[in-house]
Amino acid sequence: MLKVTSKPDGITQSDLEQIFSKYTILKSDERIEEDGSISYEVELKENESTARQKLDRTVQIIRGERYTIRVDDFRGESRRRGQPSPSPTPTPAP
């Protein structure tokens, strides 16, 4: 699974699906990271490594605006838009 990190304001999920359109998308979703930023996760049928190499740090022109996107391998957990933050795990008393 790949992840577009620090998704620039002005780029929608639909825009990102268009950027990844030459690859077969199995699943895609916007997520809210712990720092409050929005990322986009995409699972491709094949060639994730190639897609990451070709798209990472590229400038995309969307509706006349220039955006640089960062694509990385997905690591860790995140939550879907609208989901509450996970509750911190209570520390047991000594």
C-alpha atoms as a PDB file:
ATOM      1  CA  MET A   1       0.000   0.000   0.000  1.00  0.00           C
ATOM      2  CA  LEU A   2       1.234   3.493  -0.820  1.00  0.00           C
ATOM      3  CA  LYS A   3       0.592   6.759   0.945  1.00  0.00           C
ATOM      4  CA  VAL A   4       0.659  10.352  -0.254  1.00  0.00           C
ATOM      5  CA  THR A   5       1.924  12.195   2.815  1.00  0.00           C
ATOM      6  CA  SER A   6       1.309  15.821   3.703  1.00  0.00           C
ATOM      7  CA  LYS A   7      -1.350  16.063   1.007  1.00  0.00           C
ATOM      8  CA  PRO A   8      -1.376  19.658  -0.209  1.00  0.00           C
ATOM      9  CA  ASP A   9      -4.542  21.687   0.305  1.00  0.00           C
ATOM     10  CA  GLY A  10      -6.351  22.007  -2.987  1.00  0.00           C
ATOM     11  CA  ILE A  11      -5.782  18.397  -4.075  1.00  0.00           C
ATOM     12  CA  THR A  12      -8.835  16.167  -3.722  1.00  0.00           C
ATOM     13  CA  GLN A  13      -9.093  12.395  -3.496  1.00  0.00           C
ATOM     14  CA  SER A  14     -10.445  12.467  -7.041  1.00  0.00           C
ATOM     15  CA  ASP A  15      -7.324  14.365  -8.203  1.00  0.00           C
ATOM     16  CA  LEU A  16      -5.076  11.767  -6.595  1.00  0.00           C
ATOM     17  CA  GLU A  17      -7.038   8.925  -8.153  1.00  0.00           C
ATOM     18  CA  GLN A  18      -6.403  10.603 -11.523  1.00  0.00           C
ATOM     19  CA  ILE A  19      -2.648  10.795 -10.770  1.00  0.00           C
ATOM     20  CA  PHE A  20      -2.605   7.052  -9.980  1.00  0.00           C
ATOM     21  CA  SER A  21      -4.989   6.175 -12.840  1.00  0.00           C
ATOM     22  CA  LYS A  22      -2.402   4.445 -15.016  1.00  0.00           C
ATOM     23  CA  TYR A  23      -2.085   1.820 -12.266  1.00  0.00           C
ATOM     24  CA  THR A  24      -4.933  -0.503 -11.262  1.00  0.00           C
ATOM     25  CA  ILE A  25      -6.325   0.912  -7.996  1.00  0.00           C
ATOM     26  CA  LEU A  26      -7.779  -1.731  -5.686  1.00  0.00           C
ATOM     27  CA  LYS A  27      -8.610   0.608  -2.815  1.00  0.00           C
ATOM     28  CA  SER A  28      -8.128   4.270  -1.888  1.00  0.00           C
ATOM     29  CA  ASP A  29      -8.976   6.371   1.135  1.00  0.00           C
ATOM     30  CA  GLU A  30      -8.240   9.719   2.765  1.00  0.00           C
ATOM     31  CA  ARG A  31      -6.910   9.515   6.316  1.00  0.00           C
ATOM     32  CA  ILE A  32      -6.223  11.921   9.161  1.00  0.00           C
ATOM     33  CA  GLU A  33      -2.784  11.496  10.701  1.00  0.00           C
ATOM     34  CA  GLU A  34      -1.986  11.943  14.391  1.00  0.00           C
ATOM     35  CA  ASP A  35      -0.587  15.409  13.626  1.00  0.00           C
ATOM     36  CA  GLY A  36      -3.912  16.388  12.021  1.00  0.00           C
ATOM     37  CA  SER A  37      -2.617  16.351   8.442  1.00  0.00           C
ATOM     38  CA  ILE A  38      -4.573  14.521   5.753  1.00  0.00           C
ATOM     39  CA  SER A  39      -2.963  11.729   3.786  1.00  0.00           C
ATOM     40  CA  TYR A  40      -4.185   9.563   0.938  1.00  0.00           C
ATOM     41  CA  GLU A  41      -3.677   5.802   0.974  1.00  0.00           C
ATOM     42  CA  VAL A  42      -3.860   3.776  -2.195  1.00  0.00           C
ATOM     43  CA  GLU A  43      -3.539   0.063  -2.765  1.00  0.00           C
ATOM     44  CA  LEU A  44      -2.538  -0.876  -6.284  1.00  0.00           C
ATOM     45  CA  LYS A  45      -2.977  -4.244  -7.957  1.00  0.00           C
ATOM     46  CA  GLU A  46       0.648  -4.247  -9.087  1.00  0.00           C
ATOM     47  CA  ASN A  47       3.741  -2.071  -9.558  1.00  0.00           C
ATOM     48  CA  GLU A  48       3.510  -0.176  -6.253  1.00  0.00           C
ATOM     49  CA  SER A  49       7.287   0.170  -6.158  1.00  0.00           C
ATOM     50  CA  THR A  50       7.344   1.548  -9.715  1.00  0.00           C
ATOM     51  CA  ALA A  51       4.485   3.952  -8.954  1.00  0.00           C
ATOM     52  CA  ARG A  52       6.280   5.207  -5.837  1.00  0.00           C
ATOM     53  CA  GLN A  53       9.530   5.763  -7.740  1.00  0.00           C
ATOM     54  CA  LYS A  54       7.823   7.546 -10.650  1.00  0.00           C
ATOM     55  CA  LEU A  55       5.453   9.737  -8.610  1.00  0.00           C
ATOM     56  CA  ASP A  56       7.400  10.610  -5.430  1.00  0.00           C
ATOM     57  CA  ARG A  57       8.416  14.278  -5.295  1.00  0.00           C
ATOM     58  CA  THR A  58       6.896  15.029  -8.678  1.00  0.00           C
ATOM     59  CA  VAL A  59       5.191  18.269  -9.593  1.00  0.00           C
ATOM     60  CA  GLN A  60       1.578  17.774 -10.676  1.00  0.00           C
ATOM     61  CA  ILE A  61      -0.436  20.456 -12.460  1.00  0.00           C
ATOM     62  CA  ILE A  62      -4.022  20.368 -11.202  1.00  0.00           C
ATOM     63  CA  ARG A  63      -6.530  22.999 -12.333  1.00  0.00           C
ATOM     64  CA  GLY A  64      -3.619  25.251 -13.341  1.00  0.00           C
ATOM     65  CA  GLU A  65      -1.866  25.030  -9.943  1.00  0.00           C
ATOM     66  CA  ARG A  66       1.490  23.307  -9.316  1.00  0.00           C
ATOM     67  CA  TYR A  67       1.676  20.794  -6.459  1.00  0.00           C
ATOM     68  CA  THR A  68       4.550  18.582  -5.328  1.00  0.00           C
ATOM     69  CA  ILE A  69       3.407  15.233  -3.985  1.00  0.00           C
ATOM     70  CA  ARG A  70       5.270  12.852  -1.682  1.00  0.00           C
ATOM     71  CA  VAL A  71       4.600   9.125  -2.129  1.00  0.00           C
ATOM     72  CA  ASP A  72       5.891   6.569   0.361  1.00  0.00           C
ATOM     73  CA  ASP A  73       5.208   3.019   1.431  1.00  0.00           C
ATOM     74  CA  PHE A  74       2.386   2.861   3.980  1.00  0.00           C
ATOM     75  CA  ARG A  75       3.574   2.307   7.546  1.00  0.00           C
ATOM     76  CA  GLY A  76       1.713   2.394  10.832  1.00  0.00           C
ATOM     77  CA  GLU A  77      -1.847   3.187  11.663  1.00  0.00           C
ATOM     78  CA  SER A  78      -4.009   6.136  10.829  1.00  0.00           C
ATOM     79  CA  ARG A  79      -7.696   6.837  11.070  1.00  0.00           C
ATOM     80  CA  ARG A  80     -10.355   7.614   8.517  1.00  0.00           C
ATOM     81  CA  ARG A  81     -11.738  11.104   8.179  1.00  0.00           C
ATOM     82  CA  GLY A  82     -14.436  11.668  10.777  1.00  0.00           C
ATOM     83  CA  GLN A  83     -13.173   8.977  13.157  1.00  0.00           C
ATOM     84  CA  PRO A  84     -12.340  10.133  16.683  1.00  0.00           C
ATOM     85  CA  SER A  85      -8.756  10.073  17.906  1.00  0.00           C
ATOM     86  CA  PRO A  86      -7.837   6.838  19.650  1.00  0.00           C
ATOM     87  CA  SER A  87      -7.971   7.085  23.435  1.00  0.00           C
ATOM     88  CA  PRO A  88      -4.595   6.948  25.111  1.00  0.00           C
ATOM     89  CA  THR A  89      -3.836   3.661  26.872  1.00  0.00           C
ATOM     90  CA  PRO A  90      -4.062   4.176  30.628  1.00  0.00           C
ATOM     91  CA  THR A  91      -0.823   3.645  32.512  1.00  0.00           C
ATOM     92  CA  PRO A  92      -1.240   1.011  35.243  1.00  0.00           C
ATOM     93  CA  ALA A  93      -0.691   2.242  38.786  1.00  0.00           C
ATOM     94  CA  PRO A  94       2.477   0.925  40.487  1.00  0.00           C
END
